[in-house]
Amino acid sequence: MKRSFLRKRSKSPLAKLKAEAWRVFSLWIRKRDNYTCYTCGKRNDISPSSIHAGHFISRRHNATMFNEMNVHAQCLFCNMWDYGNSGTYAQNLIRDYGKEKFDELVRLGRTVHQFTAKDLEALIERYSLGDK
């Protein structure tokens, strides 16, 4: 009996690069925001894993996945249980960046983007903090 269906498939090189890009970008965002939740203001640098890098616009289409305006530190509650606390998130984005930039971000979020290995390597280099 073949059991090949039980084997876990390895990630493609592009998927591995994307995961590493997200890891370094997420850490950079949380440090940039001083481990303080963008939507409720709670701060937690003692347990950094309880602070996430939360997206306002879903990263599903990639176009806003690594957008610094679209991603901010969020506490576990706001990001997961309060589904991103999107109302407060939107208000804060408009306050901090202005309505015009907010509208541009929303438009960008409706586009699809495909990353190349070169794109992802550049992101890793840009956001890497030297601590792997």
N, C-alpha and C. Protein backbone atom coordinates (compact mmCIF):
# COMPACT_ATOMS: atom_id res chain seq x y z
N MET A 1 0.84 -1.19 0.00
CA MET A 1 0.00 0.00 0.00
C MET A 1 0.88 1.24 0.00
N LYS A 2 0.62 2.10 -0.94
CA LYS A 2 1.39 3.35 -1.02
C LYS A 2 0.91 4.32 0.03
N ARG A 3 1.84 4.98 0.65
CA ARG A 3 1.49 5.98 1.66
C ARG A 3 2.00 7.36 1.26
N SER A 4 2.20 7.57 0.00
CA SER A 4 2.72 8.84 -0.47
C SER A 4 1.79 10.00 -0.14
N PHE A 5 0.49 9.71 -0.01
CA PHE A 5 -0.45 10.77 0.32
C PHE A 5 -0.26 11.29 1.74
N LEU A 6 0.48 10.57 2.55
CA LEU A 6 0.73 11.00 3.93
C LEU A 6 1.95 11.90 4.04
N ARG A 7 2.79 11.89 3.01
CA ARG A 7 4.00 12.70 3.06
C ARG A 7 3.66 14.18 2.99
N LYS A 8 4.36 14.92 3.77
CA LYS A 8 4.19 16.37 3.73
C LYS A 8 5.01 16.93 2.58
N ARG A 9 4.38 17.73 1.78
CA ARG A 9 5.10 18.34 0.66
C ARG A 9 5.97 19.48 1.16
N SER A 10 7.14 19.56 0.59
CA SER A 10 8.02 20.66 0.98
C SER A 10 7.59 21.93 0.27
N LYS A 11 7.87 23.03 0.90
CA LYS A 11 7.53 24.32 0.31
C LYS A 11 8.42 24.60 -0.89
N SER A 12 7.85 25.30 -1.84
CA SER A 12 8.65 25.70 -3.00
C SER A 12 9.66 26.76 -2.56
N PRO A 13 10.71 26.95 -3.33
CA PRO A 13 11.68 27.99 -2.97
C PRO A 13 11.03 29.37 -2.85
N LEU A 14 10.06 29.67 -3.71
CA LEU A 14 9.37 30.95 -3.64
C LEU A 14 8.54 31.07 -2.36
N ALA A 15 7.87 30.00 -1.97
CA ALA A 15 7.08 30.00 -0.74
C ALA A 15 7.99 30.19 0.48
N LYS A 16 9.15 29.55 0.45
CA LYS A 16 10.10 29.71 1.56
C LYS A 16 10.59 31.15 1.64
N LEU A 17 10.89 31.75 0.50
CA LEU A 17 11.32 33.15 0.49
C LEU A 17 10.22 34.07 1.01
N LYS A 18 8.99 33.81 0.61
CA LYS A 18 7.86 34.63 1.06
C LYS A 18 7.68 34.51 2.57
N ALA A 19 7.81 33.31 3.10
CA ALA A 19 7.70 33.10 4.54
C ALA A 19 8.81 33.84 5.29
N GLU A 20 10.01 33.80 4.77
CA GLU A 20 11.13 34.51 5.41
C GLU A 20 10.95 36.02 5.30
N ALA A 21 10.46 36.49 4.15
CA ALA A 21 10.19 37.92 3.99
C ALA A 21 9.15 38.37 5.01
N TRP A 22 8.10 37.56 5.18
CA TRP A 22 7.07 37.92 6.16
C TRP A 22 7.66 37.91 7.58
N ARG A 23 8.50 36.95 7.89
CA ARG A 23 9.08 36.87 9.23
C ARG A 23 9.87 38.14 9.56
N VAL A 24 10.75 38.57 8.66
CA VAL A 24 11.58 39.74 8.95
C VAL A 24 10.75 41.03 8.90
N PHE A 25 9.79 41.11 7.99
CA PHE A 25 8.93 42.29 7.89
C PHE A 25 8.05 42.41 9.13
N SER A 26 7.48 41.31 9.57
CA SER A 26 6.62 41.31 10.76
C SER A 26 7.39 41.77 11.99
N LEU A 27 8.59 41.27 12.16
CA LEU A 27 9.42 41.69 13.29
C LEU A 27 9.76 43.17 13.19
N TRP A 28 10.09 43.64 12.00
CA TRP A 28 10.42 45.04 11.77
C TRP A 28 9.23 45.94 12.13
N ILE A 29 8.02 45.52 11.71
CA ILE A 29 6.80 46.29 12.01
C ILE A 29 6.59 46.38 13.51
N ARG A 30 6.68 45.26 14.20
CA ARG A 30 6.43 45.25 15.65
C ARG A 30 7.45 46.13 16.39
N LYS A 31 8.71 46.07 15.96
CA LYS A 31 9.72 46.93 16.58
C LYS A 31 9.48 48.39 16.22
N ARG A 32 9.13 48.66 14.96
CA ARG A 32 8.83 50.04 14.52
C ARG A 32 7.75 50.65 15.41
N ASP A 33 6.73 49.86 15.71
CA ASP A 33 5.58 50.35 16.48
C ASP A 33 5.77 50.18 17.98
N ASN A 34 6.98 49.85 18.39
CA ASN A 34 7.33 49.74 19.81
C ASN A 34 6.43 48.75 20.55
N TYR A 35 6.06 47.66 19.88
CA TYR A 35 5.22 46.61 20.45
C TYR A 35 3.93 47.16 21.06
N THR A 36 3.40 48.20 20.42
CA THR A 36 2.18 48.85 20.90
C THR A 36 1.08 48.67 19.87
N CYS A 37 -0.07 48.18 20.32
CA CYS A 37 -1.19 47.91 19.44
C CYS A 37 -1.70 49.21 18.80
N TYR A 38 -1.78 49.19 17.49
CA TYR A 38 -2.21 50.36 16.72
C TYR A 38 -3.68 50.70 16.96
N THR A 39 -4.48 49.71 17.35
CA THR A 39 -5.90 49.95 17.49
C THR A 39 -6.38 50.16 18.92
N CYS A 40 -5.74 49.55 19.90
CA CYS A 40 -6.20 49.76 21.28
C CYS A 40 -5.15 50.42 22.17
N GLY A 41 -3.89 50.48 21.72
CA GLY A 41 -2.85 51.17 22.46
C GLY A 41 -2.13 50.34 23.51
N LYS A 42 -2.51 49.08 23.67
CA LYS A 42 -1.82 48.23 24.65
C LYS A 42 -0.40 47.97 24.17
N ARG A 43 0.53 47.97 25.12
CA ARG A 43 1.94 47.74 24.81
C ARG A 43 2.40 46.46 25.48
N ASN A 44 3.20 45.67 24.78
CA ASN A 44 3.71 44.45 25.37
C ASN A 44 5.04 44.09 24.72
N ASP A 45 6.13 44.53 25.31
CA ASP A 45 7.45 44.13 24.80
C ASP A 45 8.04 43.00 25.63
N ILE A 46 7.33 42.59 26.69
CA ILE A 46 7.81 41.47 27.51
C ILE A 46 7.53 40.15 26.79
N SER A 47 6.38 40.07 26.15
CA SER A 47 5.99 38.87 25.40
C SER A 47 5.68 39.26 23.96
N PRO A 48 6.73 39.50 23.16
CA PRO A 48 6.53 39.97 21.78
C PRO A 48 5.62 39.08 20.93
N SER A 49 5.50 37.80 21.28
CA SER A 49 4.64 36.93 20.48
C SER A 49 3.17 37.28 20.63
N SER A 50 2.82 38.02 21.67
CA SER A 50 1.42 38.42 21.84
C SER A 50 1.11 39.69 21.05
N ILE A 51 2.12 40.26 20.42
CA ILE A 51 1.91 41.39 19.51
C ILE A 51 2.12 40.88 18.09
N HIS A 52 1.14 41.08 17.26
CA HIS A 52 1.19 40.63 15.87
C HIS A 52 1.47 41.81 14.95
N ALA A 53 1.73 41.50 13.70
CA ALA A 53 1.79 42.51 12.65
C ALA A 53 0.47 42.35 11.89
N GLY A 54 -0.49 43.21 12.21
CA GLY A 54 -1.84 43.08 11.67
C GLY A 54 -2.06 43.92 10.43
N HIS A 55 -2.76 43.35 9.48
CA HIS A 55 -3.07 44.03 8.23
C HIS A 55 -4.44 44.72 8.32
N PHE A 56 -4.55 45.91 7.75
CA PHE A 56 -5.86 46.53 7.60
C PHE A 56 -6.57 45.87 6.41
N ILE A 57 -5.89 45.80 5.28
CA ILE A 57 -6.42 45.13 4.09
C ILE A 57 -5.76 43.76 4.01
N SER A 58 -6.57 42.75 3.81
CA SER A 58 -6.08 41.38 3.75
C SER A 58 -4.89 41.25 2.82
N ARG A 59 -3.99 40.38 3.17
CA ARG A 59 -2.81 40.14 2.34
C ARG A 59 -3.07 39.09 1.28
N ARG A 60 -4.31 38.73 1.11
CA ARG A 60 -4.70 37.66 0.18
C ARG A 60 -4.19 37.87 -1.24
N HIS A 61 -4.24 39.08 -1.75
CA HIS A 61 -3.81 39.34 -3.12
C HIS A 61 -2.36 39.84 -3.21
N ASN A 62 -1.66 39.86 -2.11
CA ASN A 62 -0.23 40.21 -2.05
C ASN A 62 0.10 41.69 -2.23
N ALA A 63 -0.73 42.46 -2.90
CA ALA A 63 -0.38 43.84 -3.24
C ALA A 63 -0.11 44.69 -2.00
N THR A 64 -0.75 44.39 -0.89
CA THR A 64 -0.56 45.17 0.33
C THR A 64 0.08 44.35 1.46
N MET A 65 0.55 43.18 1.14
CA MET A 65 1.12 42.31 2.16
C MET A 65 2.30 42.94 2.89
N PHE A 66 3.18 43.59 2.15
CA PHE A 66 4.37 44.20 2.73
C PHE A 66 4.32 45.72 2.69
N ASN A 67 3.13 46.28 2.71
CA ASN A 67 2.94 47.73 2.67
C ASN A 67 3.00 48.28 4.10
N GLU A 68 3.96 49.15 4.37
CA GLU A 68 4.16 49.65 5.73
C GLU A 68 2.96 50.42 6.27
N MET A 69 2.19 51.04 5.38
CA MET A 69 1.00 51.76 5.83
C MET A 69 -0.13 50.77 6.18
N ASN A 70 -0.15 49.65 5.54
CA ASN A 70 -1.21 48.66 5.72
C ASN A 70 -0.98 47.73 6.91
N VAL A 71 0.23 47.70 7.43
CA VAL A 71 0.57 46.74 8.48
C VAL A 71 1.09 47.49 9.70
N HIS A 72 0.48 47.20 10.85
CA HIS A 72 0.88 47.81 12.11
C HIS A 72 0.85 46.76 13.22
N ALA A 73 1.55 47.04 14.29
CA ALA A 73 1.52 46.15 15.45
C ALA A 73 0.09 46.11 16.00
N GLN A 74 -0.36 44.92 16.32
CA GLN A 74 -1.67 44.75 16.94
C GLN A 74 -1.58 43.67 18.00
N CYS A 75 -2.31 43.88 19.08
CA CYS A 75 -2.35 42.86 20.13
C CYS A 75 -3.15 41.66 19.62
N LEU A 76 -2.95 40.54 20.26
CA LEU A 76 -3.63 39.30 19.89
C LEU A 76 -5.14 39.50 19.84
N PHE A 77 -5.69 40.18 20.84
CA PHE A 77 -7.14 40.36 20.89
C PHE A 77 -7.65 41.14 19.69
N CYS A 78 -7.06 42.31 19.43
CA CYS A 78 -7.54 43.13 18.31
C CYS A 78 -7.37 42.42 16.97
N ASN A 79 -6.21 41.77 16.77
CA ASN A 79 -5.93 41.15 15.48
C ASN A 79 -6.76 39.90 15.25
N MET A 80 -6.88 39.05 16.24
CA MET A 80 -7.53 37.75 16.03
C MET A 80 -9.00 37.75 16.47
N TRP A 81 -9.24 38.14 17.69
CA TRP A 81 -10.59 38.01 18.25
C TRP A 81 -11.50 39.15 17.82
N ASP A 82 -10.94 40.31 17.59
CA ASP A 82 -11.75 41.46 17.15
C ASP A 82 -11.61 41.67 15.63
N TYR A 83 -11.11 40.65 14.94
CA TYR A 83 -11.00 40.64 13.48
C TYR A 83 -10.29 41.88 12.94
N GLY A 84 -9.23 42.29 13.60
CA GLY A 84 -8.42 43.42 13.15
C GLY A 84 -8.89 44.76 13.66
N ASN A 85 -10.03 44.77 14.38
CA ASN A 85 -10.57 46.03 14.91
C ASN A 85 -10.59 47.07 13.77
N SER A 86 -11.20 46.68 12.64
CA SER A 86 -11.07 47.44 11.40
C SER A 86 -11.63 48.86 11.46
N GLY A 87 -12.67 49.09 12.24
CA GLY A 87 -13.21 50.45 12.33
C GLY A 87 -12.20 51.42 12.92
N THR A 88 -11.62 51.02 14.04
CA THR A 88 -10.60 51.85 14.69
C THR A 88 -9.35 51.93 13.82
N TYR A 89 -9.01 50.81 13.19
CA TYR A 89 -7.83 50.77 12.31
C TYR A 89 -8.00 51.81 11.20
N ALA A 90 -9.17 51.83 10.56
CA ALA A 90 -9.43 52.78 9.47
C ALA A 90 -9.35 54.22 9.97
N GLN A 91 -9.96 54.50 11.10
CA GLN A 91 -9.90 55.86 11.67
C GLN A 91 -8.47 56.29 11.92
N ASN A 92 -7.67 55.38 12.47
CA ASN A 92 -6.28 55.70 12.78
C ASN A 92 -5.46 55.92 11.51
N LEU A 93 -5.72 55.12 10.48
CA LEU A 93 -5.01 55.30 9.21
C LEU A 93 -5.33 56.67 8.60
N ILE A 94 -6.60 57.04 8.61
CA ILE A 94 -7.00 58.34 8.06
C ILE A 94 -6.38 59.47 8.88
N ARG A 95 -6.38 59.32 10.18
CA ARG A 95 -5.77 60.33 11.06
C ARG A 95 -4.27 60.46 10.79
N ASP A 96 -3.58 59.33 10.64
CA ASP A 96 -2.12 59.34 10.52
C ASP A 96 -1.61 59.62 9.11
N TYR A 97 -2.36 59.21 8.08
CA TYR A 97 -1.88 59.31 6.71
C TYR A 97 -2.73 60.21 5.82
N GLY A 98 -3.94 60.51 6.26
CA GLY A 98 -4.84 61.33 5.46
C GLY A 98 -5.77 60.48 4.61
N LYS A 99 -6.90 61.06 4.26
CA LYS A 99 -7.93 60.36 3.50
C LYS A 99 -7.46 59.96 2.11
N GLU A 100 -6.69 60.82 1.46
CA GLU A 100 -6.21 60.52 0.11
C GLU A 100 -5.32 59.27 0.09
N LYS A 101 -4.37 59.19 1.02
CA LYS A 101 -3.48 58.02 1.11
C LYS A 101 -4.27 56.78 1.50
N PHE A 102 -5.25 56.96 2.38
CA PHE A 102 -6.11 55.84 2.79
C PHE A 102 -6.84 55.29 1.57
N ASP A 103 -7.41 56.17 0.76
CA ASP A 103 -8.13 55.74 -0.44
C ASP A 103 -7.20 55.03 -1.42
N GLU A 104 -5.96 55.52 -1.55
CA GLU A 104 -4.97 54.86 -2.42
C GLU A 104 -4.69 53.45 -1.93
N LEU A 105 -4.57 53.29 -0.62
CA LEU A 105 -4.32 51.98 -0.03
C LEU A 105 -5.47 51.03 -0.33
N VAL A 106 -6.69 51.51 -0.19
CA VAL A 106 -7.86 50.67 -0.48
C VAL A 106 -7.86 50.25 -1.95
N ARG A 107 -7.56 51.18 -2.85
CA ARG A 107 -7.48 50.84 -4.28
C ARG A 107 -6.39 49.80 -4.54
N LEU A 108 -5.23 49.99 -3.93
CA LEU A 108 -4.13 49.04 -4.08
C LEU A 108 -4.54 47.65 -3.58
N GLY A 109 -5.30 47.61 -2.52
CA GLY A 109 -5.75 46.35 -1.96
C GLY A 109 -6.66 45.54 -2.88
N ARG A 110 -7.19 46.18 -3.89
CA ARG A 110 -8.06 45.50 -4.85
C ARG A 110 -7.29 44.95 -6.04
N THR A 111 -5.98 45.07 -6.02
CA THR A 111 -5.15 44.57 -7.12
C THR A 111 -4.47 43.28 -6.72
N VAL A 112 -3.99 42.56 -7.71
CA VAL A 112 -3.28 41.31 -7.48
C VAL A 112 -1.81 41.52 -7.83
N HIS A 113 -0.92 40.97 -7.03
CA HIS A 113 0.51 41.12 -7.27
C HIS A 113 1.17 39.76 -7.11
N GLN A 114 2.07 39.43 -8.02
CA GLN A 114 2.86 38.20 -7.93
C GLN A 114 4.30 38.58 -7.60
N PHE A 115 4.83 38.02 -6.54
CA PHE A 115 6.20 38.29 -6.16
C PHE A 115 7.16 37.38 -6.92
N THR A 116 8.29 37.94 -7.27
CA THR A 116 9.37 37.14 -7.83
C THR A 116 10.36 36.85 -6.70
N ALA A 117 11.26 35.92 -6.96
CA ALA A 117 12.30 35.61 -5.97
C ALA A 117 13.12 36.87 -5.69
N LYS A 118 13.41 37.63 -6.73
CA LYS A 118 14.20 38.86 -6.58
C LYS A 118 13.46 39.88 -5.70
N ASP A 119 12.14 40.02 -5.89
CA ASP A 119 11.33 40.91 -5.05
C ASP A 119 11.45 40.52 -3.57
N LEU A 120 11.28 39.23 -3.32
CA LEU A 120 11.28 38.74 -1.94
C LEU A 120 12.67 38.86 -1.31
N GLU A 121 13.71 38.58 -2.07
CA GLU A 121 15.07 38.74 -1.56
C GLU A 121 15.35 40.20 -1.20
N ALA A 122 14.86 41.12 -2.01
CA ALA A 122 15.04 42.55 -1.72
C ALA A 122 14.29 42.94 -0.44
N LEU A 123 13.10 42.39 -0.24
CA LEU A 123 12.34 42.67 0.98
C LEU A 123 13.08 42.13 2.21
N ILE A 124 13.60 40.93 2.09
CA ILE A 124 14.34 40.32 3.20
C ILE A 124 15.55 41.19 3.56
N GLU A 125 16.27 41.63 2.55
CA GLU A 125 17.43 42.49 2.79
C GLU A 125 17.03 43.82 3.42
N ARG A 126 15.97 44.40 2.91
CA ARG A 126 15.53 45.72 3.41
C ARG A 126 15.07 45.68 4.87
N TYR A 127 14.32 44.65 5.24
CA TYR A 127 13.71 44.62 6.57
C TYR A 127 14.46 43.75 7.58
N SER A 128 15.49 43.08 7.15
CA SER A 128 16.25 42.24 8.07
C SER A 128 16.95 43.10 9.10
N LEU A 129 16.82 42.68 10.34
CA LEU A 129 17.42 43.43 11.44
C LEU A 129 18.71 42.76 11.92
N GLY A 130 19.16 41.79 11.16
CA GLY A 130 20.41 41.13 11.52
C GLY A 130 20.26 40.06 12.58
N ASP A 131 19.02 39.77 13.00
CA ASP A 131 18.84 38.74 14.03
C ASP A 131 17.96 37.63 13.48
N LYS A 132 18.57 36.62 12.95
CA LYS A 132 17.82 35.51 12.35
C LYS A 132 17.62 34.40 13.34
